[in-house]
Amino acid sequence: MTEQEITKLENLRAELSSTKKKILELQQEMKQLEETIYSKCEHKWEIDRTNVGEHTEYICLKCQLSKK
């Protein structure tokens, strides 16, 4: 173990922490934008064939968001 390796590890940890913070910021921005788009869109719903589950889900053909 060298000082150079320890420094590199510390730098990688700092970079990872910074990247995680940036990801959270982007996710929050996306959520806000999706909410704005959802509220403004005059939706045209269609069954979402890509999502096979217990309940039928719908996706808007205009904004591509799922029905809430």
Protein backbone atom coordinates (compact mmCIF):
# COMPACT_ATOMS: atom_id res chain seq x y z
CA MET A 1 0.00 0.00 0.00
CA THR A 2 1.48 3.29 -1.11
CA GLU A 3 0.52 6.87 -0.43
CA GLN A 4 -0.36 7.17 -4.13
CA GLU A 5 -2.84 4.29 -3.88
CA ILE A 6 -4.48 5.77 -0.79
CA THR A 7 -4.80 9.15 -2.47
CA LYS A 8 -6.29 7.56 -5.57
CA LEU A 9 -8.85 5.68 -3.45
CA GLU A 10 -9.81 8.89 -1.64
CA ASN A 11 -10.20 10.67 -4.98
CA LEU A 12 -12.37 7.87 -6.35
CA ARG A 13 -14.59 7.98 -3.26
CA ALA A 14 -14.99 11.73 -3.62
CA GLU A 15 -15.81 11.39 -7.32
CA LEU A 16 -18.36 8.66 -6.58
CA SER A 17 -20.02 10.80 -3.92
CA SER A 18 -20.16 13.75 -6.31
CA THR A 19 -21.61 11.57 -9.07
CA LYS A 20 -24.30 10.17 -6.77
CA LYS A 21 -25.28 13.71 -5.77
CA LYS A 22 -25.50 14.72 -9.44
CA ILE A 23 -27.68 11.68 -10.21
CA LEU A 24 -30.08 12.65 -7.42
CA GLU A 25 -30.26 16.21 -8.71
CA LEU A 26 -31.01 14.98 -12.24
CA GLN A 27 -33.69 12.60 -10.96
CA GLN A 28 -35.38 15.44 -9.06
CA GLU A 29 -35.25 17.69 -12.11
CA MET A 30 -36.72 14.94 -14.28
CA LYS A 31 -39.53 14.31 -11.80
CA GLN A 32 -40.44 17.99 -11.71
CA LEU A 33 -40.42 18.21 -15.49
CA GLU A 34 -42.54 15.06 -15.82
CA GLU A 35 -45.08 16.53 -13.40
CA THR A 36 -45.22 19.76 -15.40
CA ILE A 37 -45.61 17.91 -18.70
CA TYR A 38 -48.24 15.57 -17.20
CA SER A 39 -50.34 18.47 -15.97
CA LYS A 40 -50.19 20.32 -19.32
CA CYS A 41 -50.71 17.39 -21.69
CA GLU A 42 -54.08 16.59 -23.24
CA HIS A 43 -53.45 12.89 -22.88
CA LYS A 44 -54.38 10.21 -25.35
CA TRP A 45 -54.12 6.96 -23.40
CA GLU A 46 -53.22 3.58 -24.82
CA ILE A 47 -52.59 0.28 -23.08
CA ASP A 48 -48.89 -0.09 -22.33
CA ARG A 49 -48.01 -3.36 -24.04
CA THR A 50 -44.42 -3.23 -22.79
CA ASN A 51 -45.51 -3.61 -19.16
CA VAL A 52 -47.01 -7.01 -18.43
CA GLY A 53 -48.28 -7.20 -14.88
CA GLU A 54 -51.24 -7.84 -12.68
CA HIS A 55 -52.89 -4.52 -13.54
CA THR A 56 -53.46 -2.91 -16.91
CA GLU A 57 -51.28 0.16 -17.29
CA TYR A 58 -51.66 2.99 -19.76
CA ILE A 59 -49.20 5.29 -21.48
CA CYS A 60 -49.93 8.59 -23.18
CA LEU A 61 -49.22 8.65 -26.90
CA LYS A 62 -48.40 12.37 -26.73
CA CYS A 63 -46.12 12.77 -23.70
CA GLN A 64 -45.08 9.11 -23.24
CA LEU A 65 -45.82 9.22 -19.49
CA SER A 66 -47.69 6.55 -17.57
CA LYS A 67 -51.20 7.18 -16.28
CA LYS A 68 -51.21 8.01 -12.57
